[in-house]
Structure formats: C-alpha cells, structure tokens
C-alpha cells in the first residue's frame, strides 16, 4: 500500500472554501480512480489541513499525477504557500476496527511528522513502544506510517477526539522516556483534527496491515 499525504497551508479566512472545494471537487474527481483504495481529508486548524490517499502502488499514484497537479493548480488561490507532500510505501500499521467499503463514520486524525536520525530506530520504536499503547486503547480505528527520505510520518484515526486524548498522554510519556532527541532531529510536529470528507473503495478488516 502506497500513501500520498498533502499538508496544505491555507490563507486566512479560506478554511470553509477549502473544505467545500475538497468535498465538491476533489472527492468526486478521484472517485473511481484505478488503484485508489481510500482517500480522506481532515481540518487541523484555521489555516492547515491534511489530505491523505492510499493507493495499491507507487505506479498507481504516478498514473494520476497529472490529475493531482491539476487539482492543486485549481486550489492555488486558497493557499498561502505550496503544500508539503509526503509519499511512500507503508512500513507500519494495523486496522483495529472493521470498516466496510463505502461506509462513512466519524473519525478524528492525529498525524505526526519528524526528521528521523535513523529510520530503523523509529520503526522499532513504533513497534516496541507505541504499538502496546495502541493495543490497549479504546476507540482506535487504524494506524500507519511511511518514510519519505529521512522524514517519518505516522498517523492514527480515532472514533473521537476524547479517545485520542486518552491515548496521547501515554504516547507522549513514552516518547519523553525514549528521549525525542535520540530519535529525531529537532521536535516532531503533530497535526490533529476531525475528518470532514473521506471514502473507502475497499473493505478494511480488523487485523489487516497495510504493509
């Protein structure tokens, strides 16, 4: 499974326009795209958001690159700066709740970005220290992670903000004990917010992994 994650920087006052654009233009435009498994969009602040799509392969993304760039050009008038884009094969993740194709449900996203000193060490940290917290958490829907060069991007989707907050305290404590400076150059950045648009094009079954 191959992910493309776009982090736009919106102009002040453009949040509502951007949300409408994604719902009315982007989602219909990509519906039925060969190799597209799921797509979602979350708002993480007055001037920030997250757009994420999962494809069968890198080749499936490359096949629609022209369409992607066309959509970004249409959205340029809402942007304060060019969006940050991360891409990569899934290196980690798990489905914690079965989600049927075409189903819709509330979801709350937490996505963390950091520059890894050693990607193998970050992956081991996710598997050995973070996953046990995921396993005992309530309301967790799905987790995942990719590496784009030295950038490490991990995410988790929850039934509610309250469920996420219950886990974040434990997750941060583990990161503090590990010493963030041992794993990353500089501090990680966390983006959090509700998913306002999304679609599943395949079934995601409890226990599935994206790798």
Protein backbone atom coordinates (compact mmCIF):
# COMPACT_ATOMS: atom_id res chain seq x y z
CA UNK A 1 0.00 0.00 0.00
CA UNK A 2 1.38 3.37 -1.05
CA UNK A 3 0.38 6.65 0.61
CA UNK A 4 0.35 10.25 -0.60
CA UNK A 5 -0.08 12.84 2.15
CA UNK A 6 -0.59 16.52 1.39
CA UNK A 7 -0.36 19.20 4.09
CA UNK A 8 -1.71 22.49 2.72
CA UNK A 9 -1.07 25.92 4.19
CA UNK A 10 -4.25 27.93 3.74
CA UNK A 11 -4.69 31.65 3.53
CA UNK A 12 -6.50 33.31 6.43
CA UNK A 13 -10.24 33.03 6.02
CA UNK A 14 -10.06 30.32 3.34
CA UNK A 15 -10.82 27.28 5.54
CA UNK A 16 -14.50 26.98 4.63
CA UNK A 17 -13.78 27.48 0.95
CA UNK A 18 -11.09 24.79 1.07
CA UNK A 19 -13.43 22.34 2.79
CA UNK A 20 -16.10 22.92 0.14
CA UNK A 21 -13.54 22.54 -2.64
CA UNK A 22 -12.42 19.15 -1.34
CA UNK A 23 -15.97 17.89 -0.83
CA UNK A 24 -17.41 19.18 -4.10
CA UNK A 25 -14.43 18.94 -6.46
CA UNK A 26 -11.63 16.71 -5.21
CA UNK A 27 -13.63 13.77 -3.86
CA UNK A 28 -15.84 13.41 -6.99
CA UNK A 29 -12.83 13.96 -9.28
CA UNK A 30 -10.95 10.97 -7.88
CA UNK A 31 -13.91 8.66 -7.30
CA UNK A 32 -13.31 5.50 -9.34
CA UNK A 33 -9.60 6.15 -9.90
CA UNK A 34 -7.84 2.83 -10.69
CA UNK A 35 -5.67 1.67 -7.79
CA UNK A 36 -7.10 4.18 -5.30
CA UNK A 37 -8.01 2.40 -2.06
CA UNK A 38 -9.11 5.22 0.21
CA UNK A 39 -8.99 9.00 0.49
CA UNK A 40 -9.71 11.37 3.34
CA UNK A 41 -9.36 14.98 4.40
CA UNK A 42 -9.12 16.49 7.87
CA UNK A 43 -9.01 20.07 9.09
CA UNK A 44 -6.28 20.64 11.68
CA UNK A 45 -6.50 24.39 12.22
CA UNK A 46 -7.78 27.64 10.75
CA UNK A 47 -5.03 27.56 8.11
CA UNK A 48 -3.98 23.91 7.99
CA UNK A 49 -5.32 20.54 6.97
CA UNK A 50 -4.33 17.03 5.95
CA UNK A 51 -5.28 15.24 2.75
CA UNK A 52 -4.36 11.55 2.59
CA UNK A 53 -4.84 8.92 -0.10
CA UNK A 54 -3.85 5.25 -0.15
CA UNK A 55 -3.10 3.53 -3.44
CA UNK A 56 -2.21 -0.02 -4.42
CA UNK A 57 1.24 1.06 -5.56
CA UNK A 58 3.52 3.97 -6.42
CA UNK A 59 2.73 3.31 -10.08
CA UNK A 60 -0.98 3.91 -9.41
CA UNK A 61 -0.13 7.36 -8.00
CA UNK A 62 2.16 8.20 -10.91
CA UNK A 63 -0.63 7.32 -13.34
CA UNK A 64 -2.80 10.14 -11.94
CA UNK A 65 -0.05 12.68 -11.27
CA UNK A 66 -1.35 15.00 -13.98
CA UNK A 67 -4.81 14.96 -12.39
CA UNK A 68 -3.31 15.62 -8.95
CA UNK A 69 -1.35 18.60 -10.23
CA UNK A 70 -4.47 19.94 -11.94
CA UNK A 71 -6.39 19.88 -8.67
CA UNK A 72 -3.53 21.59 -6.85
CA UNK A 73 -3.48 24.31 -9.51
CA UNK A 74 -7.22 24.89 -9.00
CA UNK A 75 -6.66 25.21 -5.26
CA UNK A 76 -3.67 27.56 -5.54
CA UNK A 77 -5.80 30.64 -4.87
CA UNK A 78 -6.62 29.34 -1.39
CA UNK A 79 -3.02 28.55 -0.46
CA UNK A 80 -0.59 30.73 1.49
CA UNK A 81 2.31 28.59 0.24
CA UNK A 82 2.83 25.43 -1.82
CA UNK A 83 1.64 22.35 0.11
CA UNK A 84 4.06 19.95 1.74
CA UNK A 85 3.77 16.49 0.20
CA UNK A 86 5.00 13.17 1.58
CA UNK A 87 4.84 9.87 -0.27
CA UNK A 88 5.93 6.34 0.49
CA UNK A 89 5.15 2.68 0.95
CA UNK A 90 3.54 1.74 4.23
CA UNK A 91 6.15 0.49 6.69
CA UNK A 92 3.86 0.06 9.67
CA UNK A 93 0.19 -0.01 10.55
CA UNK A 94 -2.86 -2.00 11.57
CA UNK A 95 -6.63 -1.90 11.22
CA UNK A 96 -8.27 -2.01 14.66
CA UNK A 97 -11.90 -1.79 13.56
CA UNK A 98 -13.51 -3.33 10.50
CA UNK A 99 -14.66 -0.65 8.06
CA UNK A 100 -16.71 -1.74 5.07
CA UNK A 101 -16.34 -0.31 1.57
CA UNK A 102 -18.36 2.88 1.06
CA UNK A 103 -19.08 3.17 4.80
CA UNK A 104 -18.88 6.56 6.47
CA UNK A 105 -18.27 7.17 10.15
CA UNK A 106 -16.91 9.93 12.39
CA UNK A 107 -13.15 9.92 12.65
CA UNK A 108 -10.50 12.07 14.32
CA UNK A 109 -6.94 12.18 12.98
CA UNK A 110 -3.60 12.58 14.68
CA UNK A 111 -0.61 12.74 12.32
CA UNK A 112 2.98 13.24 13.49
CA UNK A 113 5.91 14.32 11.31
CA UNK A 114 9.56 14.22 12.30
CA UNK A 115 13.02 14.05 10.74
CA UNK A 116 14.42 10.66 11.75
CA UNK A 117 18.05 10.27 12.69
CA UNK A 118 17.68 6.57 11.92
CA UNK A 119 14.51 5.28 10.26
CA UNK A 120 15.13 1.74 11.54
CA UNK A 121 15.25 3.07 15.11
CA UNK A 122 11.98 4.97 14.61
CA UNK A 123 10.30 1.88 13.17
CA UNK A 124 11.48 -0.20 16.13
CA UNK A 125 10.16 2.48 18.48
CA UNK A 126 6.74 2.32 16.83
CA UNK A 127 6.60 -1.46 17.04
CA UNK A 128 8.06 -1.93 20.51
CA UNK A 129 6.95 1.13 22.47
CA UNK A 130 3.98 2.71 20.68
CA UNK A 131 2.07 -0.35 19.48
CA UNK A 132 1.44 -1.71 23.00
CA UNK A 133 -0.34 1.57 23.81
CA UNK A 134 -2.40 1.28 20.65
CA UNK A 135 -3.36 -2.27 21.55
CA UNK A 136 -4.90 -1.24 24.87
CA UNK A 137 -6.57 1.96 23.63
CA UNK A 138 -10.31 2.43 23.19
CA UNK A 139 -11.76 3.91 20.02
CA UNK A 140 -8.74 3.37 17.77
CA UNK A 141 -9.68 2.76 14.12
CA UNK A 142 -6.44 2.43 12.17
CA UNK A 143 -2.73 3.30 12.37
CA UNK A 144 0.01 3.68 9.78
CA UNK A 145 3.40 5.12 8.93
CA UNK A 146 5.65 5.88 5.97
CA UNK A 147 9.16 7.18 5.45
CA UNK A 148 9.86 9.77 2.76
CA UNK A 149 13.63 10.03 2.77
CA UNK A 150 14.51 10.86 6.37
CA UNK A 151 11.01 12.19 7.12
CA UNK A 152 8.96 9.88 9.33
CA UNK A 153 5.19 10.31 9.11
CA UNK A 154 2.92 8.28 11.40
CA UNK A 155 -0.82 8.55 11.97
CA UNK A 156 -3.76 7.20 13.89
CA UNK A 157 -7.50 7.59 13.41
CA UNK A 158 -9.93 7.54 16.35
CA UNK A 159 -13.67 7.38 16.96
CA UNK A 160 -13.48 10.74 18.75
CA UNK A 161 -11.15 13.46 19.97
CA UNK A 162 -11.73 12.20 23.52
CA UNK A 163 -10.45 8.73 22.62
CA UNK A 164 -7.39 10.26 21.00
CA UNK A 165 -6.67 12.48 24.00
CA UNK A 166 -6.84 9.49 26.34
CA UNK A 167 -4.04 7.82 24.39
CA UNK A 168 -1.92 10.89 23.60
CA UNK A 169 -0.83 11.37 27.19
CA UNK A 170 0.54 7.83 27.26
CA UNK A 171 2.11 8.18 23.84
CA UNK A 172 3.87 11.41 24.81
CA UNK A 173 5.13 9.85 28.04
CA UNK A 174 6.70 7.02 26.06
CA UNK A 175 8.29 9.46 23.64
CA UNK A 176 9.65 11.55 26.52
CA UNK A 177 11.13 8.47 28.18
CA UNK A 178 12.78 7.44 24.92
CA UNK A 179 14.08 10.99 24.53
CA UNK A 180 12.80 12.55 21.35
CA UNK A 181 16.26 13.92 20.61
CA UNK A 182 17.61 10.37 20.31
CA UNK A 183 15.18 9.56 17.51
CA UNK A 184 14.65 12.84 15.67
CA UNK A 185 16.50 15.93 14.51
CA UNK A 186 14.50 18.67 16.19
CA UNK A 187 10.99 18.32 17.53
CA UNK A 188 8.19 16.37 15.91
CA UNK A 189 5.08 18.20 14.71
CA UNK A 190 1.61 16.83 15.48
CA UNK A 191 -1.43 17.68 13.38
CA UNK A 192 -4.82 16.86 14.91
CA UNK A 193 -8.36 17.40 13.76
CA UNK A 194 -11.66 15.92 12.60
CA UNK A 195 -12.05 14.15 9.27
CA UNK A 196 -14.63 16.05 7.23
CA UNK A 197 -14.51 14.04 4.00
CA UNK A 198 -13.47 10.52 3.13
CA UNK A 199 -14.26 7.39 1.16
CA UNK A 200 -13.24 3.74 1.29
CA UNK A 201 -13.01 1.89 -2.01
CA UNK A 202 -12.23 -1.49 -0.42
CA UNK A 203 -13.09 -3.24 2.85
CA UNK A 204 -10.67 -2.70 5.72
CA UNK A 205 -10.89 -5.67 8.09
CA UNK A 206 -9.81 -5.76 11.73
CA UNK A 207 -6.30 -7.14 11.96
CA UNK A 208 -5.28 -6.16 8.41
CA UNK A 209 -1.92 -4.47 7.93
CA UNK A 210 -1.10 -2.06 5.08
CA UNK A 211 2.44 -3.32 4.51
